[in-house]
C-alpha atoms as a PDB file:
ATOM      1  CA  GLN A   1       2.702  13.371   5.542  1.00  0.00           C
ATOM      2  CA  VAL A   2       2.318  13.807   9.275  1.00  0.00           C
ATOM      3  CA  GLN A   3       5.544  13.711  11.218  1.00  0.00           C
ATOM      4  CA  LEU A   4       5.978  13.857  14.961  1.00  0.00           C
ATOM      5  CA  VAL A   5       9.393  14.461  16.492  1.00  0.00           C
ATOM      6  CA  GLU A   6       9.997  14.135  20.203  1.00  0.00           C
ATOM      7  CA  SER A   7      12.755  15.882  22.116  1.00  0.00           C
ATOM      8  CA  GLY A   8      13.791  16.426  25.704  1.00  0.00           C
ATOM      9  CA  GLY A   9      14.554  12.899  26.781  1.00  0.00           C
ATOM     10  CA  GLY A  10      17.666  11.855  28.621  1.00  0.00           C
ATOM     11  CA  LEU A  11      19.126  10.594  31.871  1.00  0.00           C
ATOM     12  CA  VAL A  12      17.793  12.084  35.094  1.00  0.00           C
ATOM     13  CA  GLN A  13      17.826  11.222  38.762  1.00  0.00           C
ATOM     14  CA  ALA A  14      14.898  10.098  40.837  1.00  0.00           C
ATOM     15  CA  GLY A  15      12.943  13.101  42.057  1.00  0.00           C
ATOM     16  CA  ASP A  16      13.906  15.292  39.104  1.00  0.00           C
ATOM     17  CA  SER A  17      11.530  17.012  36.738  1.00  0.00           C
ATOM     18  CA  LEU A  18      11.672  16.916  32.962  1.00  0.00           C
ATOM     19  CA  ARG A  19       9.703  18.394  30.100  1.00  0.00           C
ATOM     20  CA  MET A  20       9.417  16.643  26.779  1.00  0.00           C
ATOM     21  CA  SER A  21       8.303  18.230  23.542  1.00  0.00           C
ATOM     22  CA  CYS A  22       6.720  16.864  20.406  1.00  0.00           C
ATOM     23  CA  THR A  23       6.778  19.015  17.309  1.00  0.00           C
ATOM     24  CA  GLY A  24       4.451  18.121  14.513  1.00  0.00           C
ATOM     25  CA  SER A  25       4.565  18.827  10.811  1.00  0.00           C
ATOM     26  CA  GLY A  26       2.558  17.957   7.746  1.00  0.00           C
ATOM     27  CA  ARG A  27      -0.689  19.482   8.999  1.00  0.00           C
ATOM     28  CA  THR A  28      -2.004  21.873  11.596  1.00  0.00           C
ATOM     29  CA  PHE A  29      -2.910  20.001  14.731  1.00  0.00           C
ATOM     30  CA  ASP A  30      -5.279  22.568  16.181  1.00  0.00           C
ATOM     31  CA  LYS A  31      -8.314  20.302  15.757  1.00  0.00           C
ATOM     32  CA  ASP A  32      -6.591  17.026  16.552  1.00  0.00           C
ATOM     33  CA  THR A  33      -6.181  14.817  19.575  1.00  0.00           C
ATOM     34  CA  MET A  34      -2.587  14.461  20.698  1.00  0.00           C
ATOM     35  CA  GLY A  35      -1.040  12.290  23.352  1.00  0.00           C
ATOM     36  CA  TRP A  36       1.836  10.387  24.880  1.00  0.00           C
ATOM     37  CA  PHE A  37       2.539   6.701  25.328  1.00  0.00           C
ATOM     38  CA  ARG A  38       5.496   4.993  26.879  1.00  0.00           C
ATOM     39  CA  GLN A  39       7.064   1.567  26.656  1.00  0.00           C
ATOM     40  CA  ALA A  40       9.417   0.172  29.237  1.00  0.00           C
ATOM     41  CA  PRO A  41      11.763  -2.712  28.409  1.00  0.00           C
ATOM     42  CA  GLY A  42       9.872  -5.969  28.260  1.00  0.00           C
ATOM     43  CA  LYS A  43       6.505  -4.299  28.744  1.00  0.00           C
ATOM     44  CA  GLU A  44       3.624  -3.304  26.517  1.00  0.00           C
ATOM     45  CA  ARG A  45       2.987   0.221  25.387  1.00  0.00           C
ATOM     46  CA  GLU A  46       1.226   2.217  28.069  1.00  0.00           C
ATOM     47  CA  PHE A  47      -1.012   5.260  27.676  1.00  0.00           C
ATOM     48  CA  VAL A  48       0.315   8.264  29.557  1.00  0.00           C
ATOM     49  CA  ALA A  49      -1.859  11.248  28.678  1.00  0.00           C
ATOM     50  CA  GLY A  50      -3.908  12.781  25.897  1.00  0.00           C
ATOM     51  CA  MET A  51      -5.344  16.161  24.985  1.00  0.00           C
ATOM     52  CA  ASN A  52      -7.917  17.556  22.592  1.00  0.00           C
ATOM     53  CA  SER A  53      -6.458  20.619  20.896  1.00  0.00           C
ATOM     54  CA  ILE A  54      -9.787  22.390  20.394  1.00  0.00           C
ATOM     55  CA  ASP A  55     -10.931  22.586  23.998  1.00  0.00           C
ATOM     56  CA  GLY A  56      -7.914  21.454  25.992  1.00  0.00           C
ATOM     57  CA  SER A  57      -9.737  18.506  27.524  1.00  0.00           C
ATOM     58  CA  THR A  58      -7.344  15.915  28.865  1.00  0.00           C
ATOM     59  CA  ARG A  59      -7.111  12.340  30.025  1.00  0.00           C
ATOM     60  CA  TYR A  60      -4.371  10.807  32.123  1.00  0.00           C
ATOM     61  CA  ALA A  61      -3.366   7.355  33.180  1.00  0.00           C
ATOM     62  CA  ASP A  62      -4.593   7.283  36.764  1.00  0.00           C
ATOM     63  CA  PRO A  63      -1.230   6.405  38.373  1.00  0.00           C
ATOM     64  CA  LEU A  64       0.459   9.343  36.606  1.00  0.00           C
ATOM     65  CA  LYS A  65      -2.040  12.158  36.833  1.00  0.00           C
ATOM     66  CA  ASP A  66      -0.582  13.693  39.961  1.00  0.00           C
ATOM     67  CA  ARG A  67       2.946  13.922  38.532  1.00  0.00           C
ATOM     68  CA  PHE A  68       2.503  14.414  34.779  1.00  0.00           C
ATOM     69  CA  THR A  69       0.921  17.338  32.924  1.00  0.00           C
ATOM     70  CA  ILE A  70       0.144  17.470  29.226  1.00  0.00           C
ATOM     71  CA  SER A  71      -0.111  20.776  27.404  1.00  0.00           C
ATOM     72  CA  LYS A  72      -0.015  22.148  23.890  1.00  0.00           C
ATOM     73  CA  ASP A  73       1.027  25.287  22.088  1.00  0.00           C
ATOM     74  CA  ASN A  74      -1.136  25.382  18.976  1.00  0.00           C
ATOM     75  CA  ALA A  75       0.792  28.313  17.541  1.00  0.00           C
ATOM     76  CA  LYS A  76       3.966  26.229  17.619  1.00  0.00           C
ATOM     77  CA  ASN A  77       2.258  22.946  16.716  1.00  0.00           C
ATOM     78  CA  THR A  78       4.013  21.505  19.739  1.00  0.00           C
ATOM     79  CA  LEU A  79       2.840  19.134  22.450  1.00  0.00           C
ATOM     80  CA  TYR A  80       4.478  18.970  25.858  1.00  0.00           C
ATOM     81  CA  LEU A  81       4.658  16.532  28.724  1.00  0.00           C
ATOM     82  CA  GLN A  82       5.836  17.962  32.018  1.00  0.00           C
ATOM     83  CA  MET A  83       6.951  15.219  34.391  1.00  0.00           C
ATOM     84  CA  SER A  84       7.801  15.744  38.033  1.00  0.00           C
ATOM     85  CA  SER A  85       8.998  13.575  40.909  1.00  0.00           C
ATOM     86  CA  LEU A  86      10.344  11.089  38.426  1.00  0.00           C
ATOM     87  CA  LYS A  87      10.853   7.513  39.571  1.00  0.00           C
ATOM     88  CA  PRO A  88      13.021   4.704  38.205  1.00  0.00           C
ATOM     89  CA  GLU A  89       9.833   2.965  37.050  1.00  0.00           C
ATOM     90  CA  ASP A  90       9.195   5.918  34.725  1.00  0.00           C
ATOM     91  CA  THR A  91      12.148   4.736  32.654  1.00  0.00           C
ATOM     92  CA  ALA A  92      10.818   4.072  29.163  1.00  0.00           C
ATOM     93  CA  VAL A  93      10.717   5.217  25.575  1.00  0.00           C
ATOM     94  CA  TYR A  94       8.136   7.986  25.371  1.00  0.00           C
ATOM     95  CA  SER A  95       6.269   8.480  22.106  1.00  0.00           C
ATOM     96  CA  CYS A  96       4.051  11.250  20.860  1.00  0.00           C
ATOM     97  CA  VAL A  97       0.819  10.250  19.116  1.00  0.00           C
ATOM     98  CA  GLN A  98      -1.853  11.947  17.050  1.00  0.00           C
ATOM     99  CA  ARG A  99      -5.281  11.339  15.602  1.00  0.00           C
ATOM    100  CA  PRO A 100      -6.726  13.898  13.178  1.00  0.00           C
ATOM    101  CA  PHE A 101      -9.991  14.657  14.930  1.00  0.00           C
ATOM    102  CA  TYR A 102     -11.597  15.511  18.233  1.00  0.00           C
ATOM    103  CA  SER A 103     -12.037  12.633  20.660  1.00  0.00           C
ATOM    104  CA  VAL A 104     -15.153  12.594  22.826  1.00  0.00           C
ATOM    105  CA  VAL A 105     -13.326   9.951  24.846  1.00  0.00           C
ATOM    106  CA  ILE A 106      -9.568  10.104  24.467  1.00  0.00           C
ATOM    107  CA  PRO A 107      -8.513   6.532  23.733  1.00  0.00           C
ATOM    108  CA  THR A 108      -5.924   4.605  25.676  1.00  0.00           C
ATOM    109  CA  ARG A 109      -5.430   1.784  23.204  1.00  0.00           C
ATOM    110  CA  PRO A 110      -2.346   2.177  20.976  1.00  0.00           C
ATOM    111  CA  GLY A 111      -4.299   1.031  17.915  1.00  0.00           C
ATOM    112  CA  SER A 112      -6.651   3.989  18.200  1.00  0.00           C
ATOM    113  CA  TRP A 113      -3.974   6.498  17.260  1.00  0.00           C
ATOM    114  CA  ASP A 114      -3.039   7.290  13.682  1.00  0.00           C
ATOM    115  CA  HIS A 115       0.484   8.606  13.841  1.00  0.00           C
ATOM    116  CA  TRP A 116       3.440   7.984  16.116  1.00  0.00           C
ATOM    117  CA  GLY A 117       6.738   9.673  16.680  1.00  0.00           C
ATOM    118  CA  GLN A 118       9.910   7.621  16.850  1.00  0.00           C
ATOM    119  CA  GLY A 119      10.120   8.053  20.594  1.00  0.00           C
ATOM    120  CA  THR A 120      12.672   9.397  22.992  1.00  0.00           C
ATOM    121  CA  GLN A 121      14.351   7.524  25.837  1.00  0.00           C
ATOM    122  CA  ILE A 122      13.986   8.678  29.408  1.00  0.00           C
ATOM    123  CA  THR A 123      16.085   6.917  32.001  1.00  0.00           C
ATOM    124  CA  VAL A 124      15.558   7.665  35.684  1.00  0.00           C
ATOM    125  CA  SER A 125      18.370   6.560  37.937  1.00  0.00           C
ATOM    126  CA  SER A 126      17.823   5.791  41.609  1.00  0.00           C
END
C-alpha cells in the first residue's frame, strides 16, 4: 500500500520561502514519477511540478518555474518542493502525487497520477 505524507505547510508572509516534504512508504520510489499539485479554494486542482526519479528530469507549470524547485532524495524516499517569493495567490492545499513508472512526458492531468497524499495547507498572507 503506497502512502504519501506531506509536511512543511503553514502560514507564511508574502515574499517568504518554504520547503515542503513528501515522504513515501509502501514501495521504493526510485523508478517512479513524483510530483506536486495544488488546489486553491473554489478552484480546480493545478499541476505544480513533477520529477522522474531515475534521471531527475522535471516539468513545471510555466507560471511557477522561476520560483519553485522540485527535488528528491531517493535514499530517504522523500520528495521536496522548495518555494520562494511566495505570493498570496500561492495559497492552496498542496498534494504529493506518484505514478509507479518513468514518464516520457510528465503528465499535468490529475487523473494521470496513481497515488495522492492527503495534502498540506499553505497560506500566504499579504
